[in-house]
Amino acid sequence: MLERQHNYRDRALSLTRARGIARARDFKAAGIPLVYLKRLTDAGDLVRLGRGLYQDPERVGENVAHNLAEAARLVPNGVISLISALRHHELTTQLPHAVWMTIPHKSRTPNAPGLRLEIVRATGDGLTAGVEHIDVEGVQVPIYGVAKTVADCFKHRRHVGEDVAIEALRDALQQRKTTPSELMKFAAIDRVASRLEPILKAME
């Protein structure tokens, strides 16, 4: 019996380290009884981040990157966007008060206890174009690239502020993180080309 419990512990810890953040269903799929999760949490071997979310205690950090990983696990159909993506790309000095995500237009608003989310919606290429993946704490996090993020900020300027969008555009060009042609490509997808083009020309 003790040997079986030890085996469950090793498998649970190995799974958590491999995934970065593991869900209760991940443990269940691996044949680990969920009752052991509470024992491991009580023993300090795992940290419970929220309902059904667990992490290796050595990897827990109250920082922006950690929140991105948690959001990616909680909202698997979402993409990190807007202010959160700007922060990752070092195009804003703002520290996001929440994790900004774009989700499919008809998806339910996600329930993420203990994590603040700002949700916007998109369809078609507006949702799928320009997605990159970054590794955060062992989690593959989908996030929009620089050009798509800047275009999105103009599309959602009422949410993020047009001053933030213009600052991000200026910094992205000055730091050579994107090009005018790439920006216009995503501006066309987001249907903000007529808004972005005169600002781009004024910056040349």
N, C-alpha and C. Protein backbone atom coordinates (compact mmCIF):
# COMPACT_ATOMS: atom_id res chain seq x y z
N MET A 1 0.84 -1.21 0.00
CA MET A 1 0.00 0.00 0.00
C MET A 1 0.87 1.26 0.00
N LEU A 2 1.89 1.28 0.88
CA LEU A 2 2.80 2.43 0.94
C LEU A 2 3.57 2.57 -0.37
N GLU A 3 3.93 1.43 -0.94
CA GLU A 3 4.67 1.47 -2.20
C GLU A 3 3.79 2.05 -3.31
N ARG A 4 2.50 1.70 -3.31
CA ARG A 4 1.58 2.22 -4.32
C ARG A 4 1.41 3.73 -4.15
N GLN A 5 1.29 4.19 -2.89
CA GLN A 5 1.15 5.62 -2.64
C GLN A 5 2.40 6.38 -3.10
N HIS A 6 3.56 5.78 -2.83
CA HIS A 6 4.81 6.41 -3.25
C HIS A 6 4.88 6.51 -4.77
N ASN A 7 4.39 5.45 -5.44
CA ASN A 7 4.38 5.42 -6.90
C ASN A 7 3.46 6.52 -7.44
N TYR A 8 2.26 6.68 -6.82
CA TYR A 8 1.33 7.74 -7.23
C TYR A 8 1.99 9.11 -7.06
N ARG A 9 2.70 9.28 -5.95
CA ARG A 9 3.35 10.57 -5.68
C ARG A 9 4.38 10.88 -6.75
N ASP A 10 5.22 9.91 -7.06
CA ASP A 10 6.26 10.12 -8.07
C ASP A 10 5.66 10.45 -9.43
N ARG A 11 4.60 9.72 -9.79
CA ARG A 11 3.96 9.95 -11.09
C ARG A 11 3.30 11.31 -11.14
N ALA A 12 2.67 11.71 -10.03
CA ALA A 12 1.99 13.01 -9.98
C ALA A 12 2.99 14.15 -10.10
N LEU A 13 4.10 14.04 -9.37
CA LEU A 13 5.12 15.10 -9.41
C LEU A 13 5.79 15.15 -10.79
N SER A 14 6.03 14.00 -11.37
CA SER A 14 6.63 13.95 -12.70
C SER A 14 5.71 14.59 -13.74
N LEU A 15 4.43 14.31 -13.63
CA LEU A 15 3.44 14.88 -14.55
C LEU A 15 3.38 16.41 -14.41
N THR A 16 3.38 16.89 -13.18
CA THR A 16 3.29 18.32 -12.93
C THR A 16 4.52 19.04 -13.46
N ARG A 17 5.69 18.46 -13.25
CA ARG A 17 6.92 19.09 -13.75
C ARG A 17 6.95 19.11 -15.27
N ALA A 18 6.43 18.05 -15.89
CA ALA A 18 6.44 17.95 -17.35
C ALA A 18 5.49 18.97 -17.98
N ARG A 19 4.35 19.19 -17.33
CA ARG A 19 3.33 20.06 -17.92
C ARG A 19 3.44 21.52 -17.46
N GLY A 20 4.16 21.76 -16.38
CA GLY A 20 4.23 23.12 -15.85
C GLY A 20 3.06 23.40 -14.93
N ILE A 21 1.86 23.37 -15.49
CA ILE A 21 0.62 23.46 -14.71
C ILE A 21 -0.24 22.29 -15.15
N ALA A 22 -0.67 21.46 -14.22
CA ALA A 22 -1.44 20.27 -14.54
C ALA A 22 -2.88 20.42 -14.04
N ARG A 23 -3.80 19.87 -14.81
CA ARG A 23 -5.22 19.90 -14.44
C ARG A 23 -5.58 18.57 -13.79
N ALA A 24 -6.66 18.60 -13.01
CA ALA A 24 -7.10 17.38 -12.33
C ALA A 24 -7.33 16.25 -13.34
N ARG A 25 -7.88 16.60 -14.50
CA ARG A 25 -8.16 15.56 -15.50
C ARG A 25 -6.87 14.94 -16.06
N ASP A 26 -5.75 15.71 -16.03
CA ASP A 26 -4.47 15.16 -16.46
C ASP A 26 -4.04 14.03 -15.54
N PHE A 27 -4.22 14.25 -14.23
CA PHE A 27 -3.86 13.21 -13.24
C PHE A 27 -4.78 11.99 -13.42
N LYS A 28 -6.06 12.27 -13.62
CA LYS A 28 -7.03 11.18 -13.78
C LYS A 28 -6.67 10.32 -14.99
N ALA A 29 -6.31 11.01 -16.10
CA ALA A 29 -5.94 10.29 -17.32
C ALA A 29 -4.69 9.45 -17.13
N ALA A 30 -3.83 9.88 -16.21
CA ALA A 30 -2.59 9.14 -15.93
C ALA A 30 -2.80 8.03 -14.89
N GLY A 31 -4.06 7.84 -14.48
CA GLY A 31 -4.36 6.77 -13.54
C GLY A 31 -4.05 7.09 -12.09
N ILE A 32 -3.94 8.38 -11.76
CA ILE A 32 -3.63 8.80 -10.39
C ILE A 32 -4.94 9.21 -9.70
N PRO A 33 -5.33 8.52 -8.63
CA PRO A 33 -6.58 8.87 -7.95
C PRO A 33 -6.55 10.32 -7.45
N LEU A 34 -7.63 11.04 -7.68
CA LEU A 34 -7.67 12.46 -7.33
C LEU A 34 -7.55 12.70 -5.83
N VAL A 35 -7.87 11.68 -5.02
CA VAL A 35 -7.75 11.83 -3.57
C VAL A 35 -6.30 12.12 -3.17
N TYR A 36 -5.35 11.65 -3.98
CA TYR A 36 -3.94 11.87 -3.64
C TYR A 36 -3.50 13.31 -3.86
N LEU A 37 -4.25 14.06 -4.68
CA LEU A 37 -3.88 15.46 -4.93
C LEU A 37 -3.97 16.28 -3.65
N LYS A 38 -5.01 16.03 -2.85
CA LYS A 38 -5.15 16.76 -1.58
C LYS A 38 -4.02 16.38 -0.63
N ARG A 39 -3.66 15.12 -0.61
CA ARG A 39 -2.56 14.67 0.27
C ARG A 39 -1.24 15.34 -0.16
N LEU A 40 -1.00 15.39 -1.45
CA LEU A 40 0.23 16.01 -1.94
C LEU A 40 0.24 17.51 -1.69
N THR A 41 -0.93 18.13 -1.80
CA THR A 41 -1.05 19.57 -1.52
C THR A 41 -0.82 19.84 -0.04
N ASP A 42 -1.44 19.04 0.81
CA ASP A 42 -1.27 19.19 2.27
C ASP A 42 0.18 18.97 2.68
N ALA A 43 0.87 18.09 1.95
CA ALA A 43 2.26 17.80 2.28
C ALA A 43 3.24 18.83 1.70
N GLY A 44 2.71 19.73 0.87
CA GLY A 44 3.57 20.76 0.27
C GLY A 44 4.28 20.31 -1.00
N ASP A 45 3.91 19.10 -1.49
CA ASP A 45 4.54 18.61 -2.72
C ASP A 45 3.94 19.26 -3.97
N LEU A 46 2.69 19.71 -3.87
CA LEU A 46 2.02 20.40 -4.96
C LEU A 46 1.40 21.69 -4.42
N VAL A 47 1.21 22.65 -5.29
CA VAL A 47 0.49 23.88 -4.94
C VAL A 47 -0.79 23.91 -5.76
N ARG A 48 -1.91 24.11 -5.08
CA ARG A 48 -3.20 24.23 -5.78
C ARG A 48 -3.39 25.68 -6.18
N LEU A 49 -3.39 25.94 -7.50
CA LEU A 49 -3.52 27.31 -8.00
C LEU A 49 -4.96 27.77 -8.03
N GLY A 50 -5.84 26.84 -8.25
CA GLY A 50 -7.27 27.15 -8.35
C GLY A 50 -7.99 25.83 -8.51
N ARG A 51 -9.25 25.90 -8.80
CA ARG A 51 -10.03 24.67 -8.91
C ARG A 51 -9.48 23.78 -10.03
N GLY A 52 -8.96 22.63 -9.64
CA GLY A 52 -8.47 21.67 -10.63
C GLY A 52 -7.14 22.01 -11.28
N LEU A 53 -6.39 22.97 -10.73
CA LEU A 53 -5.10 23.36 -11.30
C LEU A 53 -4.00 23.21 -10.26
N TYR A 54 -2.93 22.50 -10.64
CA TYR A 54 -1.85 22.23 -9.69
C TYR A 54 -0.49 22.50 -10.34
N GLN A 55 0.47 22.87 -9.46
CA GLN A 55 1.81 23.19 -9.96
C GLN A 55 2.86 22.77 -8.95
N ASP A 56 4.06 22.53 -9.48
CA ASP A 56 5.24 22.27 -8.65
C ASP A 56 5.52 23.54 -7.83
N PRO A 57 5.64 23.43 -6.50
CA PRO A 57 5.84 24.63 -5.67
C PRO A 57 7.10 25.42 -6.03
N GLU A 58 8.11 24.75 -6.58
CA GLU A 58 9.34 25.45 -6.94
C GLU A 58 9.17 26.37 -8.14
N ARG A 59 8.06 26.18 -8.88
CA ARG A 59 7.87 26.96 -10.10
C ARG A 59 6.80 28.03 -9.96
N VAL A 60 6.22 28.13 -8.77
CA VAL A 60 5.19 29.14 -8.58
C VAL A 60 5.82 30.51 -8.42
N GLY A 61 5.34 31.48 -9.15
CA GLY A 61 5.82 32.85 -9.03
C GLY A 61 4.69 33.82 -9.31
N GLU A 62 4.54 34.82 -8.45
CA GLU A 62 3.50 35.82 -8.68
C GLU A 62 4.01 36.84 -9.69
N ASN A 63 4.02 36.47 -10.93
CA ASN A 63 4.50 37.37 -11.95
C ASN A 63 3.67 37.25 -13.21
N VAL A 64 3.92 38.14 -14.12
CA VAL A 64 3.12 38.20 -15.34
C VAL A 64 3.21 36.91 -16.14
N ALA A 65 4.43 36.40 -16.30
CA ALA A 65 4.62 35.19 -17.10
C ALA A 65 3.84 34.01 -16.51
N HIS A 66 3.89 33.88 -15.20
CA HIS A 66 3.16 32.80 -14.55
C HIS A 66 1.66 32.89 -14.85
N ASN A 67 1.12 34.12 -14.81
CA ASN A 67 -0.30 34.30 -15.09
C ASN A 67 -0.66 33.93 -16.52
N LEU A 68 0.27 34.17 -17.45
CA LEU A 68 0.02 33.78 -18.83
C LEU A 68 -0.11 32.26 -18.94
N ALA A 69 0.77 31.55 -18.26
CA ALA A 69 0.72 30.09 -18.28
C ALA A 69 -0.58 29.58 -17.67
N GLU A 70 -0.98 30.19 -16.57
CA GLU A 70 -2.22 29.76 -15.91
C GLU A 70 -3.42 30.03 -16.81
N ALA A 71 -3.43 31.20 -17.46
CA ALA A 71 -4.53 31.55 -18.36
C ALA A 71 -4.62 30.59 -19.54
N ALA A 72 -3.46 30.21 -20.08
CA ALA A 72 -3.44 29.29 -21.22
C ALA A 72 -4.01 27.93 -20.84
N ARG A 73 -3.78 27.50 -19.61
CA ARG A 73 -4.34 26.24 -19.14
C ARG A 73 -5.85 26.35 -18.91
N LEU A 74 -6.27 27.48 -18.35
CA LEU A 74 -7.68 27.67 -18.02
C LEU A 74 -8.54 27.91 -19.25
N VAL A 75 -7.95 28.57 -20.25
CA VAL A 75 -8.71 28.94 -21.45
C VAL A 75 -7.97 28.39 -22.67
N PRO A 76 -8.08 27.09 -22.92
CA PRO A 76 -7.29 26.46 -23.98
C PRO A 76 -7.62 26.95 -25.38
N ASN A 77 -8.79 27.58 -25.57
CA ASN A 77 -9.14 28.09 -26.91
C ASN A 77 -8.83 29.58 -27.05
N GLY A 78 -8.14 30.15 -26.06
CA GLY A 78 -7.83 31.58 -26.09
C GLY A 78 -6.40 31.86 -26.53
N VAL A 79 -6.17 33.12 -26.92
CA VAL A 79 -4.83 33.57 -27.32
C VAL A 79 -4.49 34.82 -26.52
N ILE A 80 -3.30 34.87 -25.93
CA ILE A 80 -2.86 36.06 -25.19
C ILE A 80 -2.79 37.23 -26.17
N SER A 81 -3.37 38.37 -25.77
CA SER A 81 -3.48 39.48 -26.72
C SER A 81 -3.36 40.83 -26.01
N LEU A 82 -3.45 41.89 -26.83
CA LEU A 82 -3.55 43.27 -26.37
C LEU A 82 -2.50 43.63 -25.31
N ILE A 83 -2.89 44.17 -24.17
CA ILE A 83 -1.92 44.68 -23.20
C ILE A 83 -0.97 43.58 -22.72
N SER A 84 -1.49 42.38 -22.51
CA SER A 84 -0.63 41.27 -22.05
C SER A 84 0.41 40.91 -23.11
N ALA A 85 0.00 40.91 -24.38
CA ALA A 85 0.94 40.62 -25.45
C ALA A 85 1.95 41.76 -25.61
N LEU A 86 1.48 43.01 -25.50
CA LEU A 86 2.40 44.16 -25.56
C LEU A 86 3.47 44.05 -24.49
N ARG A 87 3.05 43.66 -23.30
CA ARG A 87 3.99 43.53 -22.19
C ARG A 87 5.04 42.48 -22.49
N HIS A 88 4.60 41.35 -23.02
CA HIS A 88 5.54 40.29 -23.36
C HIS A 88 6.54 40.76 -24.42
N HIS A 89 6.05 41.50 -25.40
CA HIS A 89 6.91 41.98 -26.49
C HIS A 89 7.69 43.25 -26.11
N GLU A 90 7.54 43.68 -24.86
CA GLU A 90 8.24 44.87 -24.33
C GLU A 90 7.89 46.12 -25.13
N LEU A 91 6.59 46.28 -25.38
CA LEU A 91 6.09 47.44 -26.12
C LEU A 91 5.19 48.31 -25.27
N THR A 92 5.17 48.08 -23.99
CA THR A 92 4.43 48.94 -23.08
C THR A 92 5.08 48.87 -21.71
N THR A 93 4.94 49.95 -20.97
CA THR A 93 5.44 49.95 -19.58
C THR A 93 4.32 49.61 -18.61
N GLN A 94 3.10 49.46 -19.15
CA GLN A 94 1.97 49.11 -18.29
C GLN A 94 2.12 47.69 -17.75
N LEU A 95 1.78 47.52 -16.49
CA LEU A 95 1.70 46.18 -15.91
C LEU A 95 0.23 45.78 -15.93
N PRO A 96 -0.15 44.83 -16.75
CA PRO A 96 -1.57 44.51 -16.89
C PRO A 96 -2.22 44.13 -15.57
N HIS A 97 -3.40 44.68 -15.32
CA HIS A 97 -4.13 44.33 -14.10
C HIS A 97 -4.84 42.99 -14.25
N ALA A 98 -4.84 42.47 -15.48
CA ALA A 98 -5.48 41.20 -15.78
C ALA A 98 -4.76 40.59 -16.97
N VAL A 99 -5.06 39.33 -17.27
CA VAL A 99 -4.54 38.71 -18.48
C VAL A 99 -5.54 38.96 -19.60
N TRP A 100 -5.06 39.60 -20.67
CA TRP A 100 -5.92 39.89 -21.82
C TRP A 100 -5.87 38.71 -22.78
N MET A 101 -7.05 38.24 -23.19
CA MET A 101 -7.14 37.09 -24.09
C MET A 101 -8.20 37.34 -25.15
N THR A 102 -7.95 36.80 -26.33
CA THR A 102 -8.94 36.79 -27.40
C THR A 102 -9.45 35.37 -27.54
N ILE A 103 -10.78 35.23 -27.58
CA ILE A 103 -11.39 33.90 -27.69
C ILE A 103 -12.35 33.89 -28.87
N PRO A 104 -12.75 32.70 -29.35
CA PRO A 104 -13.71 32.63 -30.45
C PRO A 104 -15.01 33.36 -30.11
N HIS A 105 -15.60 33.94 -31.14
CA HIS A 105 -16.75 34.82 -30.97
C HIS A 105 -17.90 34.18 -30.18
N LYS A 106 -18.17 32.91 -30.44
CA LYS A 106 -19.33 32.26 -29.82
C LYS A 106 -18.99 31.46 -28.57
N SER A 107 -17.74 31.54 -28.14
CA SER A 107 -17.36 30.80 -26.93
C SER A 107 -17.95 31.45 -25.68
N ARG A 108 -18.19 30.62 -24.69
CA ARG A 108 -18.65 31.13 -23.40
C ARG A 108 -17.55 31.94 -22.73
N THR A 109 -17.95 32.93 -21.97
CA THR A 109 -16.98 33.67 -21.17
C THR A 109 -16.36 32.72 -20.15
N PRO A 110 -15.05 32.57 -20.16
CA PRO A 110 -14.42 31.59 -19.26
C PRO A 110 -14.54 31.97 -17.79
N ASN A 111 -14.65 30.94 -16.97
CA ASN A 111 -14.68 31.12 -15.52
C ASN A 111 -13.30 30.76 -14.98
N ALA A 112 -12.61 31.75 -14.45
CA ALA A 112 -11.23 31.52 -13.99
C ALA A 112 -11.06 32.05 -12.57
N PRO A 113 -11.49 31.30 -11.56
CA PRO A 113 -11.37 31.76 -10.18
C PRO A 113 -9.93 32.06 -9.81
N GLY A 114 -9.71 33.20 -9.18
CA GLY A 114 -8.37 33.56 -8.73
C GLY A 114 -7.50 34.19 -9.79
N LEU A 115 -8.03 34.33 -11.02
CA LEU A 115 -7.26 34.94 -12.10
C LEU A 115 -8.14 35.94 -12.84
N ARG A 116 -7.69 37.18 -12.92
CA ARG A 116 -8.47 38.20 -13.61
C ARG A 116 -8.21 38.14 -15.11
N LEU A 117 -9.28 38.08 -15.87
CA LEU A 117 -9.17 38.03 -17.32
C LEU A 117 -9.90 39.21 -17.94
N GLU A 118 -9.34 39.73 -19.02
CA GLU A 118 -10.02 40.70 -19.88
C GLU A 118 -10.22 39.99 -21.22
N ILE A 119 -11.47 39.81 -21.62
CA ILE A 119 -11.78 39.00 -22.79
C ILE A 119 -12.28 39.86 -23.95
N VAL A 120 -11.71 39.64 -25.13
CA VAL A 120 -12.26 40.18 -26.37
C VAL A 120 -12.51 38.98 -27.29
N ARG A 121 -13.30 39.20 -28.33
CA ARG A 121 -13.69 38.08 -29.19
C ARG A 121 -13.34 38.36 -30.65
N ALA A 122 -13.09 37.29 -31.38
CA ALA A 122 -12.75 37.43 -32.79
C ALA A 122 -13.19 36.17 -33.53
N THR A 123 -13.25 36.27 -34.86
CA THR A 123 -13.59 35.12 -35.69
C THR A 123 -12.60 35.03 -36.85
N GLY A 124 -12.57 33.87 -37.51
CA GLY A 124 -11.79 33.69 -38.72
C GLY A 124 -10.33 34.07 -38.55
N ASP A 125 -9.80 34.78 -39.57
CA ASP A 125 -8.39 35.19 -39.54
C ASP A 125 -8.11 36.15 -38.40
N GLY A 126 -9.11 36.89 -37.99
CA GLY A 126 -8.93 37.81 -36.87
C GLY A 126 -8.58 37.09 -35.58
N LEU A 127 -8.95 35.82 -35.51
CA LEU A 127 -8.64 34.99 -34.34
C LEU A 127 -7.36 34.19 -34.55
N THR A 128 -7.19 33.64 -35.75
CA THR A 128 -6.12 32.65 -35.96
C THR A 128 -4.83 33.21 -36.55
N ALA A 129 -4.89 34.37 -37.20
CA ALA A 129 -3.69 34.91 -37.84
C ALA A 129 -2.71 35.48 -36.82
N GLY A 130 -1.42 35.30 -37.10
CA GLY A 130 -0.39 35.92 -36.27
C GLY A 130 -0.15 35.29 -34.92
N VAL A 131 -0.62 34.06 -34.73
CA VAL A 131 -0.43 33.39 -33.44
C VAL A 131 0.95 32.74 -33.38
N GLU A 132 1.66 33.02 -32.30
CA GLU A 132 2.94 32.38 -32.01
C GLU A 132 2.78 31.57 -30.73
N HIS A 133 3.78 30.77 -30.39
CA HIS A 133 3.74 30.01 -29.14
C HIS A 133 5.04 30.25 -28.37
N ILE A 134 4.88 30.52 -27.09
CA ILE A 134 6.03 30.70 -26.22
C ILE A 134 5.95 29.68 -25.09
N ASP A 135 7.10 29.31 -24.58
CA ASP A 135 7.14 28.35 -23.47
C ASP A 135 7.25 29.13 -22.16
N VAL A 136 6.25 28.97 -21.31
CA VAL A 136 6.25 29.62 -20.00
C VAL A 136 6.03 28.54 -18.94
N GLU A 137 7.04 28.31 -18.13
CA GLU A 137 6.95 27.31 -17.05
C GLU A 137 6.53 25.94 -17.58
N GLY A 138 7.01 25.61 -18.77
CA GLY A 138 6.68 24.31 -19.34
C GLY A 138 5.35 24.26 -20.06
N VAL A 139 4.64 25.37 -20.11
CA VAL A 139 3.34 25.44 -20.77
C VAL A 139 3.50 26.15 -22.12
N GLN A 140 2.96 25.58 -23.19
CA GLN A 140 2.95 26.22 -24.49
C GLN A 140 1.82 27.25 -24.52
N VAL A 141 2.19 28.52 -24.53
CA VAL A 141 1.22 29.61 -24.44
C VAL A 141 1.04 30.27 -25.81
N PRO A 142 -0.18 30.26 -26.37
CA PRO A 142 -0.41 30.95 -27.64
C PRO A 142 -0.50 32.46 -27.40
N ILE A 143 0.18 33.22 -28.23
CA ILE A 143 0.22 34.68 -28.06
C ILE A 143 0.37 35.31 -29.44
N TYR A 144 -0.27 36.45 -29.64
CA TYR A 144 -0.13 37.12 -30.93
C TYR A 144 1.24 37.76 -31.06
N GLY A 145 1.79 37.71 -32.30
CA GLY A 145 3.06 38.35 -32.58
C GLY A 145 2.93 39.86 -32.55
N VAL A 146 4.05 40.54 -32.76
CA VAL A 146 4.10 42.00 -32.61
C VAL A 146 3.13 42.71 -33.54
N ALA A 147 3.20 42.42 -34.84
CA ALA A 147 2.37 43.14 -35.80
C ALA A 147 0.88 42.93 -35.55
N LYS A 148 0.49 41.70 -35.26
CA LYS A 148 -0.93 41.41 -34.99
C LYS A 148 -1.38 42.09 -33.71
N THR A 149 -0.52 42.11 -32.71
CA THR A 149 -0.86 42.75 -31.44
C THR A 149 -1.10 44.24 -31.63
N VAL A 150 -0.22 44.89 -32.37
CA VAL A 150 -0.37 46.33 -32.60
C VAL A 150 -1.67 46.60 -33.37
N ALA A 151 -1.93 45.82 -34.41
CA ALA A 151 -3.17 45.98 -35.17
C ALA A 151 -4.38 45.78 -34.28
N ASP A 152 -4.32 44.77 -33.41
CA ASP A 152 -5.43 44.51 -32.48
C ASP A 152 -5.67 45.69 -31.55
N CYS A 153 -4.59 46.35 -31.14
CA CYS A 153 -4.73 47.50 -30.24
C CYS A 153 -5.50 48.65 -30.91
N PHE A 154 -5.30 48.80 -32.22
CA PHE A 154 -6.07 49.80 -32.95
C PHE A 154 -7.52 49.35 -33.11
N LYS A 155 -7.71 48.06 -33.34
CA LYS A 155 -9.06 47.54 -33.46
C LYS A 155 -9.85 47.72 -32.16
N HIS A 156 -9.16 47.49 -31.04
CA HIS A 156 -9.81 47.58 -29.72
C HIS A 156 -9.34 48.81 -28.96
N ARG A 157 -9.15 49.90 -29.68
CA ARG A 157 -8.59 51.12 -29.05
C ARG A 157 -9.51 51.69 -27.97
N ARG A 158 -10.78 51.41 -28.05
CA ARG A 158 -11.69 51.88 -26.99
C ARG A 158 -11.44 51.14 -25.69
N HIS A 159 -10.94 49.92 -25.80
CA HIS A 159 -10.63 49.13 -24.60
C HIS A 159 -9.26 49.49 -24.02
N VAL A 160 -8.28 49.62 -24.90
CA VAL A 160 -6.90 49.77 -24.42
C VAL A 160 -6.43 51.22 -24.42
N GLY A 161 -7.12 52.08 -25.18
CA GLY A 161 -6.70 53.48 -25.30
C GLY A 161 -5.89 53.69 -26.57
N GLU A 162 -6.27 54.70 -27.36
CA GLU A 162 -5.56 54.93 -28.62
C GLU A 162 -4.12 55.37 -28.37
N ASP A 163 -3.88 56.04 -27.25
CA ASP A 163 -2.51 56.46 -26.93
C ASP A 163 -1.60 55.25 -26.74
N VAL A 164 -2.14 54.19 -26.13
CA VAL A 164 -1.38 52.96 -25.94
C VAL A 164 -1.07 52.31 -27.29
N ALA A 165 -2.06 52.31 -28.19
CA ALA A 165 -1.88 51.72 -29.51
C ALA A 165 -0.81 52.48 -30.31
N ILE A 166 -0.86 53.81 -30.26
CA ILE A 166 0.10 54.62 -31.01
C ILE A 166 1.51 54.46 -30.44
N GLU A 167 1.62 54.42 -29.13
CA GLU A 167 2.93 54.23 -28.49
C GLU A 167 3.52 52.86 -28.88
N ALA A 168 2.66 51.83 -28.88
CA ALA A 168 3.12 50.49 -29.24
C ALA A 168 3.58 50.45 -30.70
N LEU A 169 2.84 51.13 -31.57
CA LEU A 169 3.21 51.20 -32.98
C LEU A 169 4.57 51.88 -33.15
N ARG A 170 4.74 53.01 -32.51
CA ARG A 170 6.00 53.75 -32.61
C ARG A 170 7.18 52.92 -32.10
N ASP A 171 6.99 52.30 -30.93
CA ASP A 171 8.08 51.51 -30.34
C ASP A 171 8.40 50.28 -31.19
N ALA A 172 7.37 49.64 -31.73
CA ALA A 172 7.59 48.44 -32.55
C ALA A 172 8.42 48.76 -33.78
N LEU A 173 8.16 49.93 -34.38
CA LEU A 173 8.93 50.34 -35.56
C LEU A 173 10.34 50.77 -35.19
N GLN A 174 10.46 51.56 -34.12
CA GLN A 174 11.78 52.04 -33.70
C GLN A 174 12.70 50.90 -33.29
N GLN A 175 12.12 49.89 -32.64
CA GLN A 175 12.91 48.74 -32.18
C GLN A 175 13.06 47.67 -33.28
N ARG A 176 12.49 47.97 -34.44
CA ARG A 176 12.56 47.07 -35.60
C ARG A 176 12.03 45.67 -35.28
N LYS A 177 10.94 45.64 -34.54
CA LYS A 177 10.31 44.37 -34.21
C LYS A 177 9.26 43.97 -35.25
N THR A 178 8.95 44.89 -36.17
CA THR A 178 8.03 44.61 -37.26
C THR A 178 8.29 45.62 -38.36
N THR A 179 7.54 45.50 -39.45
CA THR A 179 7.70 46.40 -40.59
C THR A 179 6.35 47.00 -40.97
N PRO A 180 6.34 48.14 -41.67
CA PRO A 180 5.07 48.74 -42.11
C PRO A 180 4.22 47.76 -42.93
N SER A 181 4.86 46.99 -43.82
CA SER A 181 4.08 46.06 -44.65
C SER A 181 3.43 44.96 -43.82
N GLU A 182 4.17 44.48 -42.83
CA GLU A 182 3.61 43.45 -41.95
C GLU A 182 2.46 44.02 -41.12
N LEU A 183 2.63 45.23 -40.65
CA LEU A 183 1.56 45.89 -39.89
C LEU A 183 0.31 46.08 -40.73
N MET A 184 0.50 46.50 -41.98
CA MET A 184 -0.66 46.71 -42.85
C MET A 184 -1.37 45.40 -43.19
N LYS A 185 -0.60 44.33 -43.28
CA LYS A 185 -1.20 43.01 -43.53
C LYS A 185 -2.21 42.65 -42.44
N PHE A 186 -1.80 42.84 -41.18
CA PHE A 186 -2.69 42.49 -40.08
C PHE A 186 -3.76 43.56 -39.86
N ALA A 187 -3.44 44.81 -40.21
CA ALA A 187 -4.46 45.86 -40.13
C ALA A 187 -5.60 45.56 -41.09
N ALA A 188 -5.28 45.00 -42.26
CA ALA A 188 -6.32 44.62 -43.23
C ALA A 188 -7.18 43.49 -42.67
N ILE A 189 -6.55 42.52 -42.03
CA ILE A 189 -7.29 41.41 -41.42
C ILE A 189 -8.24 41.94 -40.34
N ASP A 190 -7.74 42.91 -39.55
CA ASP A 190 -8.54 43.48 -38.46
C ASP A 190 -9.48 44.61 -38.92
N ARG A 191 -9.42 44.94 -40.22
CA ARG A 191 -10.26 45.99 -40.80
C ARG A 191 -10.00 47.36 -40.17
N VAL A 192 -8.73 47.63 -39.92
CA VAL A 192 -8.35 48.95 -39.40
C VAL A 192 -7.26 49.58 -40.27
N ALA A 193 -7.14 49.11 -41.52
CA ALA A 193 -6.09 49.62 -42.42
C ALA A 193 -6.23 51.12 -42.65
N SER A 194 -7.47 51.59 -42.82
CA SER A 194 -7.68 53.02 -43.09
C SER A 194 -7.33 53.87 -41.87
N ARG A 195 -7.43 53.28 -40.70
CA ARG A 195 -7.07 53.97 -39.46
C ARG A 195 -5.55 54.00 -39.27
N LEU A 196 -4.92 52.89 -39.59
CA LEU A 196 -3.49 52.73 -39.31
C LEU A 196 -2.59 53.41 -40.37
N GLU A 197 -3.00 53.36 -41.62
CA GLU A 197 -2.14 53.83 -42.70
C GLU A 197 -1.68 55.28 -42.56
N PRO A 198 -2.59 56.25 -42.27
CA PRO A 198 -2.11 57.64 -42.15
C PRO A 198 -1.18 57.84 -40.96
N ILE A 199 -1.38 57.09 -39.88
CA ILE A 199 -0.50 57.19 -38.71
C ILE A 199 0.88 56.64 -39.06
N LEU A 200 0.89 55.54 -39.78
CA LEU A 200 2.16 54.95 -40.23
C LEU A 200 2.94 55.93 -41.11
N LYS A 201 2.23 56.55 -42.05
CA LYS A 201 2.91 57.49 -42.96
C LYS A 201 3.46 58.69 -42.22
N ALA A 202 2.73 59.12 -41.18
CA ALA A 202 3.21 60.27 -40.40
C ALA A 202 4.46 59.94 -39.60
N MET A 203 4.66 58.65 -39.33
CA MET A 203 5.83 58.23 -38.55
C MET A 203 7.05 57.96 -39.43
N GLU A 204 6.87 57.88 -40.74
CA GLU A 204 7.99 57.57 -41.63
C GLU A 204 8.96 58.74 -41.72
